[in-house]
């Protein structure tokens, strides 16, 4: 497995690939981010996936609905362009990274750039995720959620061909999604529309939903 570090508006990202496809996309510091030599020291997010406040109110208590919000992305490009010294956007973490993996990392960086800038709604990079058959069914269901739409955990279970009684294991599989953003687990809300939790941190889930046009109530 080969790795690269990518800068983003929501913090540094770790990319993982075996050369055939993207196997992992993690915010560095989230609890399940792999430990890889060469990564910066980032303290894990405090409080777990349901922690986070906005204006003194717990983010998990907000409801999301389609709207016109872009939040912090209104004025924040994905990567600064122009002259001057800037942070290296993409950095390979192994000197022997094969050309196929390097090309995949470049393509992923470009597509994420376009997504954060509001110019991309669907991703084309190939995926090569590892998991149980159950997890892969759930992750395939997540891939069917359109940009700017939100579904409940029960909806994910139905699309995966499972019964509503599978809600808890479906929620666990959603939380173990290894390719955040591209496999859009941020579009899964509670049945009431609340944000509930996000392995990358609720502040990031909120920002991603705002980018896709959601408003919070």
N, C-alpha and C. Protein backbone atom coordinates (compact mmCIF):
# COMPACT_ATOMS: atom_id res chain seq x y z
N UNK A 1 0.84 -1.19 0.00
CA UNK A 1 0.00 0.00 0.00
C UNK A 1 0.88 1.25 0.00
N UNK A 2 0.53 2.21 -0.81
CA UNK A 2 1.29 3.45 -0.92
C UNK A 2 0.41 4.61 -0.44
N UNK A 3 1.07 5.68 -0.02
CA UNK A 3 0.35 6.77 0.64
C UNK A 3 0.83 8.13 0.16
N UNK A 4 -0.06 9.10 0.25
CA UNK A 4 0.28 10.48 -0.06
C UNK A 4 -0.49 11.39 0.88
N UNK A 5 0.10 12.55 1.16
CA UNK A 5 -0.56 13.56 1.98
C UNK A 5 -1.05 14.66 1.05
N UNK A 6 -2.29 15.11 1.28
CA UNK A 6 -2.91 16.13 0.45
C UNK A 6 -3.46 17.24 1.33
N UNK A 7 -3.19 18.49 0.98
CA UNK A 7 -3.79 19.60 1.71
C UNK A 7 -5.21 19.82 1.19
N UNK A 8 -6.10 20.32 2.05
CA UNK A 8 -7.48 20.59 1.66
C UNK A 8 -8.03 21.71 2.53
N UNK A 9 -9.14 22.32 2.15
CA UNK A 9 -9.75 23.37 2.97
C UNK A 9 -10.19 22.88 4.34
N UNK A 10 -10.35 21.55 4.50
CA UNK A 10 -10.82 21.00 5.76
C UNK A 10 -9.71 20.31 6.54
N UNK A 11 -8.47 20.56 6.16
CA UNK A 11 -7.35 19.97 6.87
C UNK A 11 -6.63 18.94 6.03
N UNK A 12 -5.46 18.48 6.48
CA UNK A 12 -4.67 17.53 5.71
C UNK A 12 -5.36 16.18 5.57
N UNK A 13 -5.18 15.58 4.41
CA UNK A 13 -5.81 14.31 4.06
C UNK A 13 -4.73 13.27 3.77
N UNK A 14 -5.01 12.02 4.16
CA UNK A 14 -4.16 10.89 3.79
C UNK A 14 -4.84 10.11 2.69
N UNK A 15 -4.12 9.86 1.60
CA UNK A 15 -4.60 9.02 0.51
C UNK A 15 -3.85 7.70 0.54
N UNK A 16 -4.55 6.60 0.25
CA UNK A 16 -3.95 5.26 0.25
C UNK A 16 -4.32 4.57 -1.06
N UNK A 17 -3.35 3.89 -1.67
CA UNK A 17 -3.62 3.18 -2.92
C UNK A 17 -2.66 2.01 -3.08
N UNK A 18 -3.19 0.95 -3.70
CA UNK A 18 -2.34 -0.18 -4.08
C UNK A 18 -1.90 -0.07 -5.54
N UNK A 19 -2.23 1.03 -6.17
CA UNK A 19 -1.90 1.25 -7.57
C UNK A 19 -3.06 0.98 -8.50
N UNK A 20 -3.97 0.09 -8.09
CA UNK A 20 -5.13 -0.25 -8.92
C UNK A 20 -6.30 0.68 -8.68
N UNK A 21 -6.39 1.24 -7.49
CA UNK A 21 -7.51 2.10 -7.14
C UNK A 21 -7.26 2.78 -5.81
N UNK A 22 -8.14 3.69 -5.45
CA UNK A 22 -8.02 4.40 -4.19
C UNK A 22 -8.58 3.53 -3.08
N UNK A 23 -7.75 3.21 -2.09
CA UNK A 23 -8.16 2.32 -1.01
C UNK A 23 -8.52 3.07 0.26
N UNK A 24 -8.07 4.32 0.38
CA UNK A 24 -8.37 5.08 1.59
C UNK A 24 -8.26 6.57 1.36
N UNK A 25 -9.14 7.31 2.02
CA UNK A 25 -9.09 8.77 2.04
C UNK A 25 -9.56 9.19 3.43
N UNK A 26 -8.63 9.65 4.24
CA UNK A 26 -8.90 9.96 5.64
C UNK A 26 -8.45 11.38 5.95
N UNK A 27 -9.19 12.07 6.81
CA UNK A 27 -8.67 13.30 7.38
C UNK A 27 -7.64 12.91 8.43
N UNK A 28 -6.45 13.45 8.31
CA UNK A 28 -5.39 13.11 9.25
C UNK A 28 -5.78 13.61 10.64
N UNK A 29 -5.79 12.69 11.59
CA UNK A 29 -6.22 13.00 12.94
C UNK A 29 -7.52 12.32 13.31
N UNK A 30 -8.30 11.87 12.31
CA UNK A 30 -9.53 11.14 12.66
C UNK A 30 -9.14 9.79 13.25
N UNK A 31 -10.02 9.23 14.04
CA UNK A 31 -9.64 8.09 14.89
C UNK A 31 -9.18 6.87 14.11
N UNK A 32 -9.69 6.65 12.90
CA UNK A 32 -9.32 5.45 12.15
C UNK A 32 -8.29 5.72 11.06
N UNK A 33 -7.67 6.89 11.07
CA UNK A 33 -6.65 7.19 10.07
C UNK A 33 -5.43 6.29 10.30
N UNK A 34 -4.97 5.59 9.28
CA UNK A 34 -3.80 4.71 9.46
C UNK A 34 -2.57 5.50 9.92
N UNK A 35 -1.73 4.83 10.67
CA UNK A 35 -0.47 5.42 11.11
C UNK A 35 0.57 5.15 10.02
N UNK A 36 1.11 6.21 9.45
CA UNK A 36 2.04 6.10 8.33
C UNK A 36 3.24 6.99 8.60
N UNK A 37 4.43 6.49 8.35
CA UNK A 37 5.65 7.29 8.50
C UNK A 37 5.59 8.52 7.58
N UNK A 38 5.98 9.65 8.13
CA UNK A 38 6.02 10.87 7.34
C UNK A 38 4.83 11.77 7.49
N UNK A 39 3.79 11.30 8.21
CA UNK A 39 2.62 12.15 8.43
C UNK A 39 2.92 13.19 9.50
N UNK A 40 2.30 14.37 9.40
CA UNK A 40 2.49 15.37 10.45
C UNK A 40 1.82 14.92 11.74
N UNK A 41 2.30 15.43 12.86
CA UNK A 41 1.69 15.13 14.15
C UNK A 41 0.42 15.96 14.29
N UNK A 42 -0.73 15.30 14.26
CA UNK A 42 -2.02 15.97 14.40
C UNK A 42 -2.76 15.31 15.55
N UNK A 43 -3.19 16.10 16.51
CA UNK A 43 -3.92 15.55 17.65
C UNK A 43 -5.27 15.03 17.20
N UNK A 44 -5.69 13.86 17.67
CA UNK A 44 -7.02 13.34 17.31
C UNK A 44 -8.10 14.32 17.73
N UNK A 45 -9.17 14.36 16.95
CA UNK A 45 -10.30 15.23 17.28
C UNK A 45 -10.87 14.82 18.63
N UNK A 46 -11.14 15.79 19.47
CA UNK A 46 -11.65 15.47 20.81
C UNK A 46 -13.14 15.17 20.75
N UNK A 47 -13.57 14.31 21.65
CA UNK A 47 -14.99 14.09 21.84
C UNK A 47 -15.65 13.06 20.96
N UNK A 48 -14.95 12.52 19.96
CA UNK A 48 -15.54 11.49 19.12
C UNK A 48 -16.35 12.05 17.97
N UNK A 49 -16.96 11.15 17.18
CA UNK A 49 -17.63 11.55 15.94
C UNK A 49 -18.90 12.38 16.12
N UNK A 50 -19.45 12.43 17.33
CA UNK A 50 -20.67 13.21 17.56
C UNK A 50 -20.40 14.53 18.27
N UNK A 51 -19.12 14.88 18.44
CA UNK A 51 -18.75 16.08 19.17
C UNK A 51 -18.60 17.25 18.21
N UNK A 52 -18.95 18.44 18.69
CA UNK A 52 -18.77 19.66 17.91
C UNK A 52 -19.85 20.66 18.23
N UNK A 53 -19.48 21.93 18.27
CA UNK A 53 -20.43 23.01 18.58
C UNK A 53 -20.41 24.05 17.47
N UNK A 54 -21.54 24.68 17.27
CA UNK A 54 -21.66 25.82 16.37
C UNK A 54 -22.45 26.89 17.09
N UNK A 55 -21.77 28.02 17.39
CA UNK A 55 -22.40 29.12 18.12
C UNK A 55 -22.98 28.65 19.45
N UNK A 56 -22.23 27.74 20.12
CA UNK A 56 -22.64 27.27 21.43
C UNK A 56 -23.69 26.18 21.41
N UNK A 57 -24.09 25.72 20.25
CA UNK A 57 -25.11 24.67 20.13
C UNK A 57 -24.46 23.42 19.55
N UNK A 58 -24.74 22.23 20.13
CA UNK A 58 -24.15 21.00 19.58
C UNK A 58 -24.54 20.81 18.12
N UNK A 59 -23.55 20.54 17.27
CA UNK A 59 -23.84 20.37 15.84
C UNK A 59 -24.78 19.19 15.61
N UNK A 60 -24.68 18.16 16.44
CA UNK A 60 -25.53 16.98 16.22
C UNK A 60 -27.01 17.30 16.38
N UNK A 61 -27.33 18.46 16.99
CA UNK A 61 -28.74 18.82 17.19
C UNK A 61 -29.32 19.58 16.00
N UNK A 62 -28.48 19.98 15.04
CA UNK A 62 -28.98 20.70 13.88
C UNK A 62 -29.63 19.74 12.89
N UNK A 63 -30.60 20.27 12.16
CA UNK A 63 -31.18 19.54 11.03
C UNK A 63 -30.69 20.17 9.73
N UNK A 64 -30.45 19.34 8.73
CA UNK A 64 -29.99 19.83 7.43
C UNK A 64 -31.11 19.70 6.42
N UNK A 65 -31.25 20.71 5.57
CA UNK A 65 -32.23 20.65 4.49
C UNK A 65 -31.63 21.32 3.26
N UNK A 66 -32.05 20.89 2.08
CA UNK A 66 -31.51 21.51 0.86
C UNK A 66 -31.76 23.01 0.86
N UNK A 67 -30.74 23.77 0.46
CA UNK A 67 -30.86 25.22 0.44
C UNK A 67 -29.87 25.81 -0.52
N UNK A 68 -29.27 26.91 -0.12
CA UNK A 68 -28.33 27.59 -1.01
C UNK A 68 -26.99 27.87 -0.34
N UNK A 69 -26.72 27.22 0.77
CA UNK A 69 -25.51 27.54 1.51
C UNK A 69 -24.26 26.91 0.93
N UNK A 70 -23.15 27.68 0.97
CA UNK A 70 -21.83 27.15 0.65
C UNK A 70 -20.86 27.41 1.79
N UNK A 71 -21.30 28.10 2.82
CA UNK A 71 -20.51 28.26 4.03
C UNK A 71 -19.13 28.81 3.78
N UNK A 72 -18.12 28.17 4.39
CA UNK A 72 -16.75 28.66 4.30
C UNK A 72 -16.20 28.57 2.89
N UNK A 73 -16.87 27.84 2.00
CA UNK A 73 -16.36 27.68 0.64
C UNK A 73 -16.72 28.85 -0.26
N UNK A 74 -17.54 29.78 0.21
CA UNK A 74 -17.88 30.95 -0.61
C UNK A 74 -16.64 31.74 -0.99
N UNK A 75 -15.67 31.82 -0.06
CA UNK A 75 -14.50 32.64 -0.30
C UNK A 75 -13.20 31.87 -0.18
N UNK A 76 -13.27 30.56 -0.02
CA UNK A 76 -12.06 29.77 0.21
C UNK A 76 -11.84 28.79 -0.94
N UNK A 77 -10.92 29.08 -1.87
CA UNK A 77 -10.62 28.12 -2.93
C UNK A 77 -9.95 26.89 -2.36
N UNK A 78 -10.05 25.79 -3.07
CA UNK A 78 -9.50 24.54 -2.56
C UNK A 78 -8.00 24.61 -2.38
N UNK A 79 -7.29 25.22 -3.35
CA UNK A 79 -5.85 25.41 -3.23
C UNK A 79 -5.52 26.79 -3.76
N UNK A 80 -4.73 27.54 -3.04
CA UNK A 80 -4.39 28.89 -3.47
C UNK A 80 -3.56 28.84 -4.74
N UNK A 81 -3.94 29.72 -5.67
CA UNK A 81 -3.23 29.79 -6.93
C UNK A 81 -2.38 31.06 -6.96
N UNK A 82 -1.46 31.15 -7.93
CA UNK A 82 -0.69 32.38 -8.08
C UNK A 82 0.68 32.27 -7.47
N UNK A 83 1.35 33.43 -7.38
CA UNK A 83 2.73 33.46 -6.90
C UNK A 83 2.83 33.34 -5.41
N UNK A 84 4.10 33.34 -4.96
CA UNK A 84 4.34 33.26 -3.53
C UNK A 84 4.51 31.83 -3.09
N UNK A 85 5.10 31.68 -1.92
CA UNK A 85 5.34 30.35 -1.38
C UNK A 85 4.03 29.77 -0.86
N UNK A 86 3.77 28.52 -1.15
CA UNK A 86 2.55 27.90 -0.69
C UNK A 86 2.85 26.49 -0.20
N UNK A 87 1.93 25.97 0.58
CA UNK A 87 2.09 24.61 1.10
C UNK A 87 2.02 23.62 -0.06
N UNK A 88 2.85 22.61 0.00
CA UNK A 88 2.82 21.58 -1.03
C UNK A 88 1.48 20.86 -0.97
N UNK A 89 0.73 20.88 -2.07
CA UNK A 89 -0.63 20.35 -2.06
C UNK A 89 -0.65 18.83 -1.96
N UNK A 90 0.23 18.15 -2.70
CA UNK A 90 0.27 16.70 -2.72
C UNK A 90 1.70 16.24 -2.50
N UNK A 91 1.89 15.34 -1.53
CA UNK A 91 3.24 14.88 -1.21
C UNK A 91 3.23 13.36 -1.09
N UNK A 92 4.00 12.69 -1.93
CA UNK A 92 4.12 11.24 -1.83
C UNK A 92 4.91 10.89 -0.58
N UNK A 93 4.47 9.86 0.13
CA UNK A 93 5.11 9.50 1.39
C UNK A 93 6.09 8.34 1.26
N UNK A 94 6.20 7.74 0.09
CA UNK A 94 7.18 6.69 -0.15
C UNK A 94 7.95 7.00 -1.42
N UNK A 95 9.27 6.94 -1.32
CA UNK A 95 10.11 7.26 -2.47
C UNK A 95 9.92 6.29 -3.62
N UNK A 96 9.48 5.05 -3.31
CA UNK A 96 9.32 4.04 -4.36
C UNK A 96 7.88 3.94 -4.85
N UNK A 97 7.08 4.99 -4.66
CA UNK A 97 5.70 4.97 -5.14
C UNK A 97 5.68 4.72 -6.65
N UNK A 98 4.99 3.68 -7.11
CA UNK A 98 4.99 3.38 -8.55
C UNK A 98 4.20 4.43 -9.33
N UNK A 99 4.49 4.57 -10.62
CA UNK A 99 3.80 5.58 -11.44
C UNK A 99 2.28 5.46 -11.40
N UNK A 100 1.75 4.23 -11.36
CA UNK A 100 0.29 4.05 -11.36
C UNK A 100 -0.34 4.66 -10.11
N UNK A 101 0.30 4.43 -8.95
CA UNK A 101 -0.22 5.00 -7.71
C UNK A 101 -0.07 6.52 -7.69
N UNK A 102 1.08 7.02 -8.17
CA UNK A 102 1.29 8.47 -8.22
C UNK A 102 0.27 9.14 -9.12
N UNK A 103 -0.03 8.52 -10.27
CA UNK A 103 -1.03 9.08 -11.18
C UNK A 103 -2.42 9.08 -10.54
N UNK A 104 -2.73 8.03 -9.78
CA UNK A 104 -4.02 7.97 -9.10
C UNK A 104 -4.12 9.06 -8.03
N UNK A 105 -3.03 9.27 -7.30
CA UNK A 105 -3.04 10.35 -6.30
C UNK A 105 -3.23 11.71 -6.98
N UNK A 106 -2.57 11.93 -8.10
CA UNK A 106 -2.73 13.19 -8.83
C UNK A 106 -4.18 13.37 -9.28
N UNK A 107 -4.79 12.32 -9.80
CA UNK A 107 -6.17 12.41 -10.26
C UNK A 107 -7.12 12.69 -9.10
N UNK A 108 -6.86 12.03 -7.96
CA UNK A 108 -7.70 12.26 -6.78
C UNK A 108 -7.58 13.70 -6.31
N UNK A 109 -6.35 14.21 -6.26
CA UNK A 109 -6.14 15.60 -5.84
C UNK A 109 -6.87 16.57 -6.76
N UNK A 110 -6.79 16.32 -8.06
CA UNK A 110 -7.45 17.20 -9.03
C UNK A 110 -8.98 17.17 -8.86
N UNK A 111 -9.53 15.97 -8.69
CA UNK A 111 -10.98 15.87 -8.55
C UNK A 111 -11.47 16.47 -7.24
N UNK A 112 -10.70 16.31 -6.16
CA UNK A 112 -11.08 16.94 -4.90
C UNK A 112 -11.00 18.46 -5.01
N UNK A 113 -9.99 18.95 -5.70
CA UNK A 113 -9.88 20.39 -5.97
C UNK A 113 -11.16 20.91 -6.61
N UNK A 114 -11.60 20.21 -7.64
CA UNK A 114 -12.79 20.62 -8.38
C UNK A 114 -14.03 20.52 -7.51
N UNK A 115 -14.10 19.49 -6.67
CA UNK A 115 -15.24 19.34 -5.76
C UNK A 115 -15.29 20.49 -4.77
N UNK A 116 -14.19 20.80 -4.12
CA UNK A 116 -14.18 21.88 -3.13
C UNK A 116 -14.45 23.24 -3.77
N UNK A 117 -14.11 23.38 -5.03
CA UNK A 117 -14.37 24.63 -5.74
C UNK A 117 -15.79 24.69 -6.31
N UNK A 118 -16.57 23.64 -6.12
CA UNK A 118 -17.94 23.63 -6.60
C UNK A 118 -18.09 23.29 -8.06
N UNK A 119 -17.03 22.71 -8.68
CA UNK A 119 -17.07 22.41 -10.10
C UNK A 119 -17.24 20.92 -10.39
N UNK A 120 -17.32 20.09 -9.38
CA UNK A 120 -17.47 18.65 -9.59
C UNK A 120 -18.49 18.09 -8.61
N UNK A 121 -19.37 17.24 -9.13
CA UNK A 121 -20.39 16.59 -8.31
C UNK A 121 -20.21 15.08 -8.22
N UNK A 122 -19.53 14.50 -9.18
CA UNK A 122 -19.29 13.05 -9.20
C UNK A 122 -17.80 12.79 -9.39
N UNK A 123 -17.32 11.73 -8.75
CA UNK A 123 -15.91 11.38 -8.83
C UNK A 123 -15.71 10.21 -9.79
N UNK A 124 -14.56 10.25 -10.46
CA UNK A 124 -14.25 9.23 -11.46
C UNK A 124 -13.08 8.32 -11.07
N UNK A 125 -12.36 8.65 -10.01
CA UNK A 125 -11.20 7.84 -9.65
C UNK A 125 -11.67 6.43 -9.27
N UNK A 126 -10.96 5.39 -9.72
CA UNK A 126 -11.35 4.02 -9.37
C UNK A 126 -11.08 3.74 -7.90
N UNK A 127 -11.92 2.91 -7.31
CA UNK A 127 -11.79 2.57 -5.90
C UNK A 127 -11.33 1.12 -5.75
N UNK A 128 -10.61 0.85 -4.68
CA UNK A 128 -10.14 -0.50 -4.37
C UNK A 128 -10.21 -0.69 -2.86
N UNK A 129 -11.45 -0.64 -2.33
CA UNK A 129 -11.63 -0.69 -0.88
C UNK A 129 -11.63 -2.14 -0.39
N UNK A 130 -11.20 -2.30 0.85
CA UNK A 130 -11.20 -3.61 1.49
C UNK A 130 -12.20 -3.60 2.63
N UNK A 131 -12.98 -4.65 2.75
CA UNK A 131 -13.96 -4.75 3.82
C UNK A 131 -14.73 -6.04 3.70
N UNK A 132 -15.64 -6.26 4.63
CA UNK A 132 -16.50 -7.44 4.56
C UNK A 132 -17.52 -7.26 3.44
N UNK A 133 -18.16 -8.34 3.04
CA UNK A 133 -19.21 -8.25 2.03
C UNK A 133 -20.32 -7.31 2.49
N UNK A 134 -20.67 -7.38 3.76
CA UNK A 134 -21.71 -6.50 4.30
C UNK A 134 -21.30 -5.04 4.18
N UNK A 135 -20.08 -4.73 4.59
CA UNK A 135 -19.60 -3.35 4.50
C UNK A 135 -19.61 -2.86 3.07
N UNK A 136 -19.17 -3.68 2.14
CA UNK A 136 -19.13 -3.26 0.73
C UNK A 136 -20.52 -3.02 0.18
N UNK A 137 -21.51 -3.79 0.62
CA UNK A 137 -22.90 -3.53 0.20
C UNK A 137 -23.34 -2.15 0.68
N UNK A 138 -23.00 -1.82 1.90
CA UNK A 138 -23.38 -0.52 2.46
C UNK A 138 -22.64 0.60 1.73
N UNK A 139 -21.35 0.42 1.48
CA UNK A 139 -20.57 1.47 0.80
C UNK A 139 -21.05 1.65 -0.63
N UNK A 140 -21.45 0.57 -1.30
CA UNK A 140 -22.02 0.70 -2.64
C UNK A 140 -23.32 1.50 -2.60
N UNK A 141 -24.11 1.28 -1.55
CA UNK A 141 -25.36 2.04 -1.40
C UNK A 141 -25.05 3.52 -1.19
N UNK A 142 -24.01 3.83 -0.45
CA UNK A 142 -23.63 5.23 -0.23
C UNK A 142 -23.27 5.90 -1.55
N UNK A 143 -22.61 5.17 -2.43
CA UNK A 143 -22.19 5.73 -3.72
C UNK A 143 -23.38 6.14 -4.59
N UNK A 144 -24.57 5.63 -4.28
CA UNK A 144 -25.75 5.96 -5.08
C UNK A 144 -26.44 7.23 -4.61
N UNK A 145 -25.98 7.83 -3.50
CA UNK A 145 -26.62 9.05 -2.99
C UNK A 145 -26.17 10.23 -3.84
N UNK A 146 -27.08 10.94 -4.50
CA UNK A 146 -26.65 12.05 -5.37
C UNK A 146 -26.10 13.23 -4.58
N UNK A 147 -25.28 14.01 -5.24
CA UNK A 147 -24.78 15.28 -4.71
C UNK A 147 -25.96 16.16 -4.30
N UNK A 148 -25.86 16.77 -3.12
CA UNK A 148 -26.91 17.68 -2.67
C UNK A 148 -28.14 17.02 -2.10
N UNK A 149 -28.12 15.69 -1.97
CA UNK A 149 -29.24 14.96 -1.39
C UNK A 149 -28.79 14.31 -0.09
N UNK A 150 -29.75 14.02 0.77
CA UNK A 150 -29.45 13.35 2.03
C UNK A 150 -30.43 12.22 2.23
N UNK A 151 -29.97 11.17 2.88
CA UNK A 151 -30.81 10.01 3.15
C UNK A 151 -30.63 9.60 4.61
N UNK A 152 -31.50 8.74 5.08
CA UNK A 152 -31.39 8.21 6.44
C UNK A 152 -30.65 6.89 6.42
N UNK A 153 -30.29 6.40 7.60
CA UNK A 153 -29.63 5.10 7.69
C UNK A 153 -30.57 4.00 7.21
N UNK A 154 -31.88 4.17 7.46
CA UNK A 154 -32.85 3.21 6.97
C UNK A 154 -32.89 3.17 5.46
N UNK A 155 -32.76 4.35 4.83
CA UNK A 155 -32.71 4.41 3.36
C UNK A 155 -31.50 3.64 2.84
N UNK A 156 -30.36 3.83 3.49
CA UNK A 156 -29.15 3.12 3.07
C UNK A 156 -29.37 1.61 3.17
N UNK A 157 -30.00 1.17 4.26
CA UNK A 157 -30.27 -0.26 4.44
C UNK A 157 -31.14 -0.79 3.30
N UNK A 158 -32.17 -0.04 2.92
CA UNK A 158 -33.06 -0.51 1.86
C UNK A 158 -32.34 -0.58 0.52
N UNK A 159 -31.53 0.45 0.20
CA UNK A 159 -30.80 0.44 -1.07
C UNK A 159 -29.81 -0.73 -1.10
N UNK A 160 -29.27 -1.07 0.07
CA UNK A 160 -28.32 -2.19 0.15
C UNK A 160 -29.02 -3.55 0.15
N UNK A 161 -30.36 -3.54 0.06
CA UNK A 161 -31.11 -4.79 0.05
C UNK A 161 -31.27 -5.39 1.43
N UNK A 162 -31.22 -4.55 2.45
CA UNK A 162 -31.33 -5.01 3.83
C UNK A 162 -32.64 -4.51 4.45
N UNK A 163 -33.01 -5.08 5.57
CA UNK A 163 -34.24 -4.67 6.25
C UNK A 163 -33.96 -3.52 7.21
N UNK A 164 -35.01 -2.79 7.62
CA UNK A 164 -34.82 -1.71 8.60
C UNK A 164 -34.19 -2.18 9.90
N UNK A 165 -34.33 -3.46 10.20
CA UNK A 165 -33.72 -4.00 11.42
C UNK A 165 -32.20 -4.00 11.36
N UNK A 166 -31.65 -3.78 10.19
CA UNK A 166 -30.19 -3.72 10.06
C UNK A 166 -29.65 -2.31 10.32
N UNK A 167 -30.48 -1.43 10.85
CA UNK A 167 -30.07 -0.03 11.02
C UNK A 167 -28.79 0.14 11.81
N UNK A 168 -28.64 -0.59 12.90
CA UNK A 168 -27.44 -0.42 13.73
C UNK A 168 -26.18 -0.91 13.01
N UNK A 169 -26.17 -2.14 12.46
CA UNK A 169 -24.96 -2.55 11.73
C UNK A 169 -24.69 -1.71 10.49
N UNK A 170 -25.75 -1.19 9.85
CA UNK A 170 -25.54 -0.29 8.72
C UNK A 170 -24.84 0.98 9.20
N UNK A 171 -25.28 1.51 10.34
CA UNK A 171 -24.63 2.70 10.89
C UNK A 171 -23.17 2.45 11.20
N UNK A 172 -22.85 1.25 11.71
CA UNK A 172 -21.46 0.90 12.00
C UNK A 172 -20.65 0.84 10.72
N UNK A 173 -21.23 0.25 9.66
CA UNK A 173 -20.52 0.15 8.38
C UNK A 173 -20.31 1.53 7.76
N UNK A 174 -21.31 2.40 7.88
CA UNK A 174 -21.17 3.78 7.39
C UNK A 174 -20.00 4.47 8.10
N UNK A 175 -19.91 4.27 9.41
CA UNK A 175 -18.84 4.88 10.19
C UNK A 175 -17.47 4.34 9.87
N UNK A 176 -17.39 3.18 9.22
CA UNK A 176 -16.10 2.59 8.86
C UNK A 176 -15.76 2.78 7.39
N UNK A 177 -16.46 3.68 6.74
CA UNK A 177 -16.17 4.01 5.35
C UNK A 177 -14.71 4.45 5.22
N UNK A 178 -13.91 3.77 4.38
CA UNK A 178 -12.49 4.10 4.29
C UNK A 178 -12.16 5.22 3.31
N UNK A 179 -13.15 5.67 2.53
CA UNK A 179 -12.88 6.69 1.49
C UNK A 179 -13.88 7.82 1.68
N UNK A 180 -13.60 8.66 2.66
CA UNK A 180 -14.53 9.75 2.97
C UNK A 180 -14.65 10.71 1.79
N UNK A 181 -15.70 11.46 1.75
CA UNK A 181 -16.05 12.42 0.69
C UNK A 181 -16.46 11.69 -0.59
N UNK A 182 -15.56 10.89 -1.18
CA UNK A 182 -15.85 10.22 -2.44
C UNK A 182 -16.94 9.16 -2.26
N UNK A 183 -16.84 8.36 -1.21
CA UNK A 183 -17.96 7.53 -0.77
C UNK A 183 -18.70 8.40 0.25
N UNK A 184 -19.82 9.02 -0.14
CA UNK A 184 -20.34 10.19 0.59
C UNK A 184 -21.15 9.87 1.84
N UNK A 185 -20.48 9.35 2.87
CA UNK A 185 -21.19 9.07 4.11
C UNK A 185 -21.66 10.34 4.81
N UNK A 186 -21.12 11.51 4.41
CA UNK A 186 -21.59 12.77 5.01
C UNK A 186 -23.03 13.09 4.62
N UNK A 187 -23.56 12.41 3.61
CA UNK A 187 -24.94 12.65 3.17
C UNK A 187 -25.96 11.80 3.92
N UNK A 188 -25.50 11.04 4.92
CA UNK A 188 -26.40 10.21 5.71
C UNK A 188 -26.72 10.93 7.02
N UNK A 189 -28.02 11.14 7.25
CA UNK A 189 -28.49 11.83 8.45
C UNK A 189 -29.42 10.90 9.22
N UNK A 190 -29.82 11.32 10.40
CA UNK A 190 -30.82 10.57 11.14
C UNK A 190 -32.16 10.70 10.41
N UNK A 191 -33.14 9.90 10.82
CA UNK A 191 -34.45 9.96 10.15
C UNK A 191 -35.11 11.32 10.30
N UNK A 192 -34.69 12.09 11.31
CA UNK A 192 -35.25 13.43 11.52
C UNK A 192 -34.45 14.52 10.82
N UNK A 193 -33.35 14.13 10.16
CA UNK A 193 -32.52 15.09 9.46
C UNK A 193 -31.38 15.65 10.27
N UNK A 194 -31.17 15.13 11.48
CA UNK A 194 -30.07 15.63 12.31
C UNK A 194 -28.74 15.05 11.83
N UNK A 195 -27.66 15.80 12.14
CA UNK A 195 -26.34 15.42 11.61
C UNK A 195 -25.73 14.21 12.33
N UNK A 196 -26.15 13.91 13.52
CA UNK A 196 -25.69 12.78 14.35
C UNK A 196 -24.17 12.73 14.48
N UNK A 197 -23.46 12.01 13.62
CA UNK A 197 -22.02 11.87 13.80
C UNK A 197 -21.29 11.77 12.48
N UNK A 198 -19.94 11.88 12.57
CA UNK A 198 -19.09 11.79 11.38
C UNK A 198 -17.68 11.49 11.86
N UNK A 199 -17.07 10.44 11.33
CA UNK A 199 -15.75 10.04 11.81
C UNK A 199 -14.72 11.13 11.63
N UNK A 200 -14.84 11.94 10.60
CA UNK A 200 -13.92 13.04 10.37
C UNK A 200 -14.19 14.26 11.20
N UNK A 201 -15.25 14.23 12.03
CA UNK A 201 -15.61 15.37 12.86
C UNK A 201 -16.85 16.07 12.32
N UNK A 202 -17.78 16.41 13.22
CA UNK A 202 -19.03 17.02 12.77
C UNK A 202 -18.83 18.37 12.11
N UNK A 203 -17.77 19.10 12.48
CA UNK A 203 -17.51 20.38 11.81
C UNK A 203 -17.29 20.15 10.32
N UNK A 204 -16.59 19.07 9.98
CA UNK A 204 -16.34 18.77 8.57
C UNK A 204 -17.62 18.30 7.87
N UNK A 205 -18.42 17.50 8.55
CA UNK A 205 -19.69 17.07 7.95
C UNK A 205 -20.56 18.28 7.65
N UNK A 206 -20.63 19.19 8.59
CA UNK A 206 -21.39 20.42 8.40
C UNK A 206 -20.87 21.18 7.19
N UNK A 207 -19.55 21.34 7.08
CA UNK A 207 -18.96 22.09 5.97
C UNK A 207 -19.23 21.42 4.64
N UNK A 208 -19.14 20.08 4.57
CA UNK A 208 -19.40 19.38 3.33
C UNK A 208 -20.86 19.52 2.90
N UNK A 209 -21.78 19.45 3.85
CA UNK A 209 -23.19 19.62 3.52
C UNK A 209 -23.46 21.04 3.04
N UNK A 210 -22.86 22.03 3.69
CA UNK A 210 -23.03 23.42 3.23
C UNK A 210 -22.47 23.60 1.82
N UNK A 211 -21.32 22.99 1.55
CA UNK A 211 -20.75 23.06 0.21
C UNK A 211 -21.73 22.54 -0.84
N UNK A 212 -22.47 21.49 -0.49
CA UNK A 212 -23.40 20.87 -1.43
C UNK A 212 -24.78 21.54 -1.43
N UNK A 213 -24.89 22.67 -0.72
CA UNK A 213 -26.11 23.46 -0.81
C UNK A 213 -27.09 23.29 0.33
N UNK A 214 -26.72 22.57 1.38
CA UNK A 214 -27.63 22.40 2.50
C UNK A 214 -27.61 23.62 3.42
N UNK A 215 -28.72 23.85 4.08
CA UNK A 215 -28.82 24.86 5.14
C UNK A 215 -29.17 24.15 6.43
N UNK A 216 -28.75 24.72 7.56
CA UNK A 216 -28.98 24.10 8.86
C UNK A 216 -30.08 24.84 9.61
N UNK A 217 -30.89 24.09 10.33
CA UNK A 217 -31.95 24.68 11.15
C UNK A 217 -31.90 24.10 12.55
